[in-house]
PDB file of all heavy atoms in Angstrom:
ATOM      1  N   ALA A   1      -8.893   2.291  -4.132  1.00  0.00           N
ATOM      2  CA  ALA A   1      -7.660   2.658  -4.838  1.00  0.00           C
ATOM      3  C   ALA A   1      -7.108   3.981  -4.326  1.00  0.00           C
ATOM      4  O   ALA A   1      -5.892   4.120  -4.138  1.00  0.00           O
ATOM      5  CB  ALA A   1      -7.905   2.726  -6.344  1.00  0.00           C
ATOM      6  N   GLN A   2      -7.974   4.957  -4.064  1.00  0.00           N
ATOM      7  CA  GLN A   2      -7.493   6.244  -3.545  1.00  0.00           C
ATOM      8  C   GLN A   2      -6.923   6.072  -2.141  1.00  0.00           C
ATOM      9  O   GLN A   2      -5.888   6.666  -1.813  1.00  0.00           O
ATOM     10  CB  GLN A   2      -8.610   7.292  -3.548  1.00  0.00           C
ATOM     11  CG  GLN A   2      -8.118   8.686  -3.181  1.00  0.00           C
ATOM     12  CD  GLN A   2      -6.988   9.170  -4.074  1.00  0.00           C
ATOM     13  OE1 GLN A   2      -7.105   9.165  -5.294  1.00  0.00           O
ATOM     14  NE2 GLN A   2      -5.872   9.586  -3.482  1.00  0.00           N
ATOM     15  N   LEU A   3      -7.561   5.254  -1.321  1.00  0.00           N
ATOM     16  CA  LEU A   3      -7.017   4.975   0.021  1.00  0.00           C
ATOM     17  C   LEU A   3      -5.653   4.309  -0.079  1.00  0.00           C
ATOM     18  O   LEU A   3      -4.743   4.619   0.697  1.00  0.00           O
ATOM     19  CB  LEU A   3      -7.982   4.092   0.816  1.00  0.00           C
ATOM     20  CG  LEU A   3      -9.306   4.714   1.234  1.00  0.00           C
ATOM     21  CD1 LEU A   3     -10.213   3.665   1.866  1.00  0.00           C
ATOM     22  CD2 LEU A   3      -9.078   5.870   2.191  1.00  0.00           C
ATOM     23  N   LEU A   4      -5.481   3.405  -1.050  1.00  0.00           N
ATOM     24  CA  LEU A   4      -4.202   2.734  -1.239  1.00  0.00           C
ATOM     25  C   LEU A   4      -3.136   3.723  -1.712  1.00  0.00           C
ATOM     26  O   LEU A   4      -2.010   3.710  -1.216  1.00  0.00           O
ATOM     27  CB  LEU A   4      -4.351   1.574  -2.230  1.00  0.00           C
ATOM     28  CG  LEU A   4      -3.108   0.712  -2.444  1.00  0.00           C
ATOM     29  CD1 LEU A   4      -2.674   0.042  -1.148  1.00  0.00           C
ATOM     30  CD2 LEU A   4      -3.388  -0.344  -3.512  1.00  0.00           C
ATOM     31  N   ARG A   5      -3.487   4.592  -2.663  1.00  0.00           N
ATOM     32  CA  ARG A   5      -2.537   5.625  -3.116  1.00  0.00           C
ATOM     33  C   ARG A   5      -2.098   6.503  -1.937  1.00  0.00           C
ATOM     34  O   ARG A   5      -0.915   6.787  -1.768  1.00  0.00           O
ATOM     35  CB  ARG A   5      -3.172   6.512  -4.192  1.00  0.00           C
ATOM     36  CG  ARG A   5      -3.185   5.911  -5.557  1.00  0.00           C
ATOM     37  CD  ARG A   5      -3.674   6.927  -6.605  1.00  0.00           C
ATOM     38  NE  ARG A   5      -4.227   6.225  -7.723  1.00  0.00           N
ATOM     39  CZ  ARG A   5      -5.509   5.914  -7.882  1.00  0.00           C
ATOM     40  NH1 ARG A   5      -6.396   6.279  -6.989  1.00  0.00           N
ATOM     41  NH2 ARG A   5      -5.904   5.238  -8.926  1.00  0.00           N
ATOM     42  N   ASP A   6      -3.065   6.943  -1.134  1.00  0.00           N
ATOM     43  CA  ASP A   6      -2.759   7.780   0.032  1.00  0.00           C
ATOM     44  C   ASP A   6      -1.842   7.048   1.007  1.00  0.00           C
ATOM     45  O   ASP A   6      -0.898   7.635   1.557  1.00  0.00           O
ATOM     46  CB  ASP A   6      -4.045   8.200   0.756  1.00  0.00           C
ATOM     47  CG  ASP A   6      -4.938   9.113  -0.078  1.00  0.00           C
ATOM     48  OD1 ASP A   6      -4.460   9.668  -1.106  1.00  0.00           O
ATOM     49  OD2 ASP A   6      -6.115   9.268   0.289  1.00  0.00           O
ATOM     50  N   ALA A   7      -2.099   5.759   1.221  1.00  0.00           N
ATOM     51  CA  ALA A   7      -1.274   4.965   2.141  1.00  0.00           C
ATOM     52  C   ALA A   7       0.154   4.840   1.625  1.00  0.00           C
ATOM     53  O   ALA A   7       1.116   4.977   2.395  1.00  0.00           O
ATOM     54  CB  ALA A   7      -1.900   3.582   2.345  1.00  0.00           C
ATOM     55  N   ILE A   8       0.313   4.589   0.322  1.00  0.00           N
ATOM     56  CA  ILE A   8       1.655   4.468  -0.256  1.00  0.00           C
ATOM     57  C   ILE A   8       2.398   5.795  -0.160  1.00  0.00           C
ATOM     58  O   ILE A   8       3.578   5.830   0.204  1.00  0.00           O
ATOM     59  CB  ILE A   8       1.586   3.963  -1.711  1.00  0.00           C
ATOM     60  CG1 ILE A   8       1.099   2.508  -1.739  1.00  0.00           C
ATOM     61  CG2 ILE A   8       2.945   4.074  -2.399  1.00  0.00           C
ATOM     62  CD1 ILE A   8       0.763   1.984  -3.129  1.00  0.00           C
ATOM     63  N   GLU A   9       1.706   6.899  -0.445  1.00  0.00           N
ATOM     64  CA  GLU A   9       2.341   8.224  -0.332  1.00  0.00           C
ATOM     65  C   GLU A   9       2.773   8.509   1.105  1.00  0.00           C
ATOM     66  O   GLU A   9       3.860   9.032   1.345  1.00  0.00           O
ATOM     67  CB  GLU A   9       1.392   9.310  -0.838  1.00  0.00           C
ATOM     68  CG  GLU A   9       1.245   9.313  -2.349  1.00  0.00           C
ATOM     69  CD  GLU A   9       0.184  10.276  -2.859  1.00  0.00           C
ATOM     70  OE1 GLU A   9      -0.419  11.010  -2.043  1.00  0.00           O
ATOM     71  OE2 GLU A   9      -0.040  10.277  -4.084  1.00  0.00           O
ATOM     72  N   ALA A  10       1.931   8.138   2.082  1.00  0.00           N
ATOM     73  CA  ALA A  10       2.286   8.348   3.491  1.00  0.00           C
ATOM     74  C   ALA A  10       3.498   7.499   3.877  1.00  0.00           C
ATOM     75  O   ALA A  10       4.401   7.979   4.575  1.00  0.00           O
ATOM     76  CB  ALA A  10       1.087   8.012   4.383  1.00  0.00           C
ATOM     77  N   LEU A  11       3.544   6.246   3.399  1.00  0.00           N
ATOM     78  CA  LEU A  11       4.690   5.392   3.695  1.00  0.00           C
ATOM     79  C   LEU A  11       5.949   5.931   3.027  1.00  0.00           C
ATOM     80  O   LEU A  11       7.043   5.868   3.614  1.00  0.00           O
ATOM     81  CB  LEU A  11       4.421   3.955   3.240  1.00  0.00           C
ATOM     82  CG  LEU A  11       3.361   3.181   4.018  1.00  0.00           C
ATOM     83  CD1 LEU A  11       3.162   1.798   3.413  1.00  0.00           C
ATOM     84  CD2 LEU A  11       3.689   3.084   5.492  1.00  0.00           C
ATOM     85  N   ASN A  12       5.825   6.465   1.815  1.00  0.00           N
ATOM     86  CA  ASN A  12       6.983   7.048   1.128  1.00  0.00           C
ATOM     87  C   ASN A  12       7.577   8.195   1.933  1.00  0.00           C
ATOM     88  O   ASN A  12       8.796   8.329   2.033  1.00  0.00           O
ATOM     89  CB  ASN A  12       6.603   7.549  -0.269  1.00  0.00           C
ATOM     90  CG  ASN A  12       6.402   6.420  -1.256  1.00  0.00           C
ATOM     91  OD1 ASN A  12       6.852   5.297  -1.044  1.00  0.00           O
ATOM     92  ND2 ASN A  12       5.711   6.708  -2.343  1.00  0.00           N
ATOM     93  N   LYS A  13       6.718   9.032   2.524  1.00  0.00           N
ATOM     94  CA  LYS A  13       7.197  10.162   3.338  1.00  0.00           C
ATOM     95  C   LYS A  13       7.875   9.671   4.614  1.00  0.00           C
ATOM     96  O   LYS A  13       8.875  10.221   5.048  1.00  0.00           O
ATOM     97  CB  LYS A  13       6.029  11.083   3.689  1.00  0.00           C
ATOM     98  CG  LYS A  13       5.550  11.908   2.520  1.00  0.00           C
ATOM     99  CD  LYS A  13       4.386  12.789   2.908  1.00  0.00           C
ATOM    100  CE  LYS A  13       3.848  13.496   1.672  1.00  0.00           C
ATOM    101  NZ  LYS A  13       2.586  14.177   1.945  1.00  0.00           N
ATOM    102  N   GLU A  14       7.321   8.634   5.201  1.00  0.00           N
ATOM    103  CA  GLU A  14       7.852   8.083   6.446  1.00  0.00           C
ATOM    104  C   GLU A  14       9.132   7.279   6.210  1.00  0.00           C
ATOM    105  O   GLU A  14      10.035   7.280   7.037  1.00  0.00           O
ATOM    106  CB  GLU A  14       6.777   7.186   7.074  1.00  0.00           C
ATOM    107  CG  GLU A  14       7.140   6.576   8.391  1.00  0.00           C
ATOM    108  CD  GLU A  14       6.065   5.617   8.893  1.00  0.00           C
ATOM    109  OE1 GLU A  14       4.902   5.709   8.468  1.00  0.00           O
ATOM    110  OE2 GLU A  14       6.419   4.764   9.718  1.00  0.00           O
ATOM    111  N   ASN A  15       9.227   6.610   5.082  1.00  0.00           N
ATOM    112  CA  ASN A  15      10.287   5.646   4.805  1.00  0.00           C
ATOM    113  C   ASN A  15      11.668   6.270   4.628  1.00  0.00           C
ATOM    114  O   ASN A  15      12.651   5.782   5.145  1.00  0.00           O
ATOM    115  CB  ASN A  15       9.905   4.834   3.560  1.00  0.00           C
ATOM    116  CG  ASN A  15      10.892   3.743   3.239  1.00  0.00           C
ATOM    117  OD1 ASN A  15      11.409   3.071   4.123  1.00  0.00           O
ATOM    118  ND2 ASN A  15      11.158   3.576   1.970  1.00  0.00           N
ATOM    119  N   MET A  16      11.773   7.329   3.849  1.00  0.00           N
ATOM    120  CA  MET A  16      13.038   8.028   3.557  1.00  0.00           C
ATOM    121  C   MET A  16      14.028   7.204   2.737  1.00  0.00           C
ATOM    122  O   MET A  16      15.119   7.634   2.469  1.00  0.00           O
ATOM    123  CB  MET A  16      13.733   8.498   4.845  1.00  0.00           C
ATOM    124  CG  MET A  16      12.918   9.423   5.691  1.00  0.00           C
ATOM    125  SD  MET A  16      12.544  10.919   4.795  1.00  0.00           S
ATOM    126  CE  MET A  16      12.163  12.018   6.091  1.00  0.00           C
ATOM    127  N   ASP A  17      13.701   5.980   2.390  1.00  0.00           N
ATOM    128  CA  ASP A  17      14.545   5.122   1.561  1.00  0.00           C
ATOM    129  C   ASP A  17      13.770   4.787   0.299  1.00  0.00           C
ATOM    130  O   ASP A  17      12.546   4.849   0.288  1.00  0.00           O
ATOM    131  CB  ASP A  17      14.890   3.811   2.295  1.00  0.00           C
ATOM    132  CG  ASP A  17      15.826   4.027   3.462  1.00  0.00           C
ATOM    133  OD1 ASP A  17      16.856   4.689   3.261  1.00  0.00           O
ATOM    134  OD2 ASP A  17      15.526   3.538   4.568  1.00  0.00           O
ATOM    135  N   PRO A  18      14.455   4.367  -0.769  1.00  0.00           N
ATOM    136  CA  PRO A  18      13.695   3.904  -1.940  1.00  0.00           C
ATOM    137  C   PRO A  18      12.918   2.636  -1.585  1.00  0.00           C
ATOM    138  O   PRO A  18      13.330   1.865  -0.714  1.00  0.00           O
ATOM    139  CB  PRO A  18      14.764   3.627  -3.001  1.00  0.00           C
ATOM    140  CG  PRO A  18      16.059   3.594  -2.286  1.00  0.00           C
ATOM    141  CD  PRO A  18      15.897   4.310  -0.979  1.00  0.00           C
ATOM    142  N   VAL A  19      11.780   2.445  -2.238  1.00  0.00           N
ATOM    143  CA  VAL A  19      10.990   1.240  -2.002  1.00  0.00           C
ATOM    144  C   VAL A  19      11.752   0.046  -2.563  1.00  0.00           C
ATOM    145  O   VAL A  19      12.117   0.015  -3.725  1.00  0.00           O
ATOM    146  CB  VAL A  19       9.605   1.345  -2.682  1.00  0.00           C
ATOM    147  CG1 VAL A  19       8.783   0.110  -2.388  1.00  0.00           C
ATOM    148  CG2 VAL A  19       8.864   2.578  -2.214  1.00  0.00           C
ATOM    149  N   LEU A  20      12.008  -0.949  -1.723  1.00  0.00           N
ATOM    150  CA  LEU A  20      12.749  -2.144  -2.118  1.00  0.00           C
ATOM    151  C   LEU A  20      11.837  -3.335  -2.377  1.00  0.00           C
ATOM    152  O   LEU A  20      12.206  -4.268  -3.072  1.00  0.00           O
ATOM    153  CB  LEU A  20      13.779  -2.495  -1.044  1.00  0.00           C
ATOM    154  CG  LEU A  20      14.813  -1.408  -0.735  1.00  0.00           C
ATOM    155  CD1 LEU A  20      15.670  -1.813   0.454  1.00  0.00           C
ATOM    156  CD2 LEU A  20      15.662  -1.131  -1.953  1.00  0.00           C
ATOM    157  N   GLY A  21      10.642  -3.323  -1.810  1.00  0.00           N
ATOM    158  CA  GLY A  21       9.704  -4.417  -2.006  1.00  0.00           C
ATOM    159  C   GLY A  21       8.400  -4.145  -1.286  1.00  0.00           C
ATOM    160  O   GLY A  21       8.359  -3.402  -0.309  1.00  0.00           O
ATOM    161  N   VAL A  22       7.330  -4.752  -1.809  1.00  0.00           N
ATOM    162  CA  VAL A  22       6.004  -4.555  -1.237  1.00  0.00           C
ATOM    163  C   VAL A  22       5.298  -5.903  -1.126  1.00  0.00           C
ATOM    164  O   VAL A  22       5.359  -6.726  -2.035  1.00  0.00           O
ATOM    165  CB  VAL A  22       5.162  -3.591  -2.114  1.00  0.00           C
ATOM    166  CG1 VAL A  22       3.724  -3.517  -1.627  1.00  0.00           C
ATOM    167  CG2 VAL A  22       5.784  -2.198  -2.134  1.00  0.00           C
ATOM    168  N   VAL A  23       4.626  -6.094   0.009  1.00  0.00           N
ATOM    169  CA  VAL A  23       3.754  -7.248   0.212  1.00  0.00           C
ATOM    170  C   VAL A  23       2.324  -6.717   0.170  1.00  0.00           C
ATOM    171  O   VAL A  23       1.966  -5.824   0.940  1.00  0.00           O
ATOM    172  CB  VAL A  23       4.017  -7.940   1.571  1.00  0.00           C
ATOM    173  CG1 VAL A  23       3.003  -9.039   1.821  1.00  0.00           C
ATOM    174  CG2 VAL A  23       5.433  -8.468   1.636  1.00  0.00           C
ATOM    175  N   LEU A  24       1.535  -7.244  -0.763  1.00  0.00           N
ATOM    176  CA  LEU A  24       0.118  -6.889  -0.868  1.00  0.00           C
ATOM    177  C   LEU A  24      -0.686  -8.069  -0.342  1.00  0.00           C
ATOM    178  O   LEU A  24      -0.686  -9.136  -0.939  1.00  0.00           O
ATOM    179  CB  LEU A  24      -0.246  -6.574  -2.323  1.00  0.00           C
ATOM    180  CG  LEU A  24      -1.708  -6.244  -2.599  1.00  0.00           C
ATOM    181  CD1 LEU A  24      -2.141  -4.988  -1.837  1.00  0.00           C
ATOM    182  CD2 LEU A  24      -1.933  -6.060  -4.102  1.00  0.00           C
ATOM    183  N   ASP A  25      -1.359  -7.869   0.769  1.00  0.00           N
ATOM    184  CA  ASP A  25      -2.092  -8.941   1.441  1.00  0.00           C
ATOM    185  C   ASP A  25      -3.567  -8.882   1.056  1.00  0.00           C
ATOM    186  O   ASP A  25      -4.272  -7.940   1.407  1.00  0.00           O
ATOM    187  CB  ASP A  25      -1.928  -8.793   2.955  1.00  0.00           C
ATOM    188  CG  ASP A  25      -2.438  -9.985   3.743  1.00  0.00           C
ATOM    189  OD1 ASP A  25      -3.151 -10.829   3.163  1.00  0.00           O
ATOM    190  OD2 ASP A  25      -2.133 -10.060   4.951  1.00  0.00           O
ATOM    191  N   LEU A  26      -4.025  -9.904   0.325  1.00  0.00           N
ATOM    192  CA  LEU A  26      -5.430 -10.000  -0.083  1.00  0.00           C
ATOM    193  C   LEU A  26      -6.118 -11.204   0.576  1.00  0.00           C
ATOM    194  O   LEU A  26      -7.184 -11.629   0.129  1.00  0.00           O
ATOM    195  CB  LEU A  26      -5.531 -10.116  -1.610  1.00  0.00           C
ATOM    196  CG  LEU A  26      -4.958  -8.960  -2.414  1.00  0.00           C
ATOM    197  CD1 LEU A  26      -5.078  -9.230  -3.911  1.00  0.00           C
ATOM    198  CD2 LEU A  26      -5.644  -7.649  -2.061  1.00  0.00           C
ATOM    199  N   ARG A  27      -5.526 -11.730   1.636  1.00  0.00           N
ATOM    200  CA  ARG A  27      -6.122 -12.886   2.307  1.00  0.00           C
ATOM    201  C   ARG A  27      -7.480 -12.516   2.906  1.00  0.00           C
ATOM    202  O   ARG A  27      -7.647 -11.428   3.453  1.00  0.00           O
ATOM    203  CB  ARG A  27      -5.204 -13.412   3.408  1.00  0.00           C
ATOM    204  CG  ARG A  27      -3.958 -14.088   2.864  1.00  0.00           C
ATOM    205  CD  ARG A  27      -3.027 -14.499   3.961  1.00  0.00           C
ATOM    206  NE  ARG A  27      -2.507 -13.305   4.633  1.00  0.00           N
ATOM    207  CZ  ARG A  27      -1.680 -13.335   5.669  1.00  0.00           C
ATOM    208  NH1 ARG A  27      -1.273 -14.488   6.162  1.00  0.00           N
ATOM    209  NH2 ARG A  27      -1.244 -12.215   6.209  1.00  0.00           N
ATOM    210  N   ASN A  28      -8.418 -13.434   2.766  1.00  0.00           N
ATOM    211  CA  ASN A  28      -9.776 -13.269   3.297  1.00  0.00           C
ATOM    212  C   ASN A  28     -10.473 -12.014   2.778  1.00  0.00           C
ATOM    213  O   ASN A  28     -11.360 -11.479   3.434  1.00  0.00           O
ATOM    214  CB  ASN A  28      -9.776 -13.294   4.829  1.00  0.00           C
ATOM    215  CG  ASN A  28      -9.289 -14.618   5.352  1.00  0.00           C
ATOM    216  OD1 ASN A  28      -9.677 -15.669   4.853  1.00  0.00           O
ATOM    217  ND2 ASN A  28      -8.405 -14.590   6.334  1.00  0.00           N
ATOM    218  N   ASN A  29     -10.069 -11.555   1.610  1.00  0.00           N
ATOM    219  CA  ASN A  29     -10.725 -10.415   0.969  1.00  0.00           C
ATOM    220  C   ASN A  29     -11.796 -10.991   0.040  1.00  0.00           C
ATOM    221  O   ASN A  29     -11.472 -11.606  -0.966  1.00  0.00           O
ATOM    222  CB  ASN A  29      -9.700  -9.598   0.188  1.00  0.00           C
ATOM    223  CG  ASN A  29     -10.304  -8.392  -0.508  1.00  0.00           C
ATOM    224  OD1 ASN A  29     -11.410  -8.445  -1.021  1.00  0.00           O
ATOM    225  ND2 ASN A  29      -9.553  -7.314  -0.542  1.00  0.00           N
ATOM    226  N   PRO A  30     -13.076 -10.773   0.351  1.00  0.00           N
ATOM    227  CA  PRO A  30     -14.135 -11.390  -0.445  1.00  0.00           C
ATOM    228  C   PRO A  30     -14.399 -10.708  -1.780  1.00  0.00           C
ATOM    229  O   PRO A  30     -15.208 -11.173  -2.564  1.00  0.00           O
ATOM    230  CB  PRO A  30     -15.361 -11.273   0.468  1.00  0.00           C
ATOM    231  CG  PRO A  30     -15.094 -10.019   1.251  1.00  0.00           C
ATOM    232  CD  PRO A  30     -13.595 -10.008   1.469  1.00  0.00           C
ATOM    233  N   GLY A  31     -13.727  -9.598  -2.048  1.00  0.00           N
ATOM    234  CA  GLY A  31     -13.909  -8.916  -3.328  1.00  0.00           C
ATOM    235  C   GLY A  31     -14.593  -7.580  -3.154  1.00  0.00           C
ATOM    236  O   GLY A  31     -14.381  -6.873  -2.183  1.00  0.00           O
ATOM    237  N   GLY A  32     -15.433  -7.257  -4.108  1.00  0.00           N
ATOM    238  CA  GLY A  32     -16.133  -5.975  -4.097  1.00  0.00           C
ATOM    239  C   GLY A  32     -16.335  -5.486  -5.511  1.00  0.00           C
ATOM    240  O   GLY A  32     -16.481  -6.286  -6.434  1.00  0.00           O
ATOM    241  N   VAL A  33     -16.300  -4.184  -5.686  1.00  0.00           N
ATOM    242  CA  VAL A  33     -16.625  -3.601  -6.989  1.00  0.00           C
ATOM    243  C   VAL A  33     -15.475  -3.777  -7.985  1.00  0.00           C
ATOM    244  O   VAL A  33     -14.302  -3.702  -7.628  1.00  0.00           O
ATOM    245  CB  VAL A  33     -17.009  -2.110  -6.863  1.00  0.00           C
ATOM    246  CG1 VAL A  33     -18.267  -1.956  -6.025  1.00  0.00           C
ATOM    247  CG2 VAL A  33     -15.895  -1.285  -6.258  1.00  0.00           C
TER     248      VAL A  33
END
């Protein structure tokens, strides 16, 4: 979750536009904690 928050914050800085949509890819993710 912290890695995801950091990634979103980095994309927000790079993007310069409001977020219009997000694709969350969980394919072949076996799970975890």
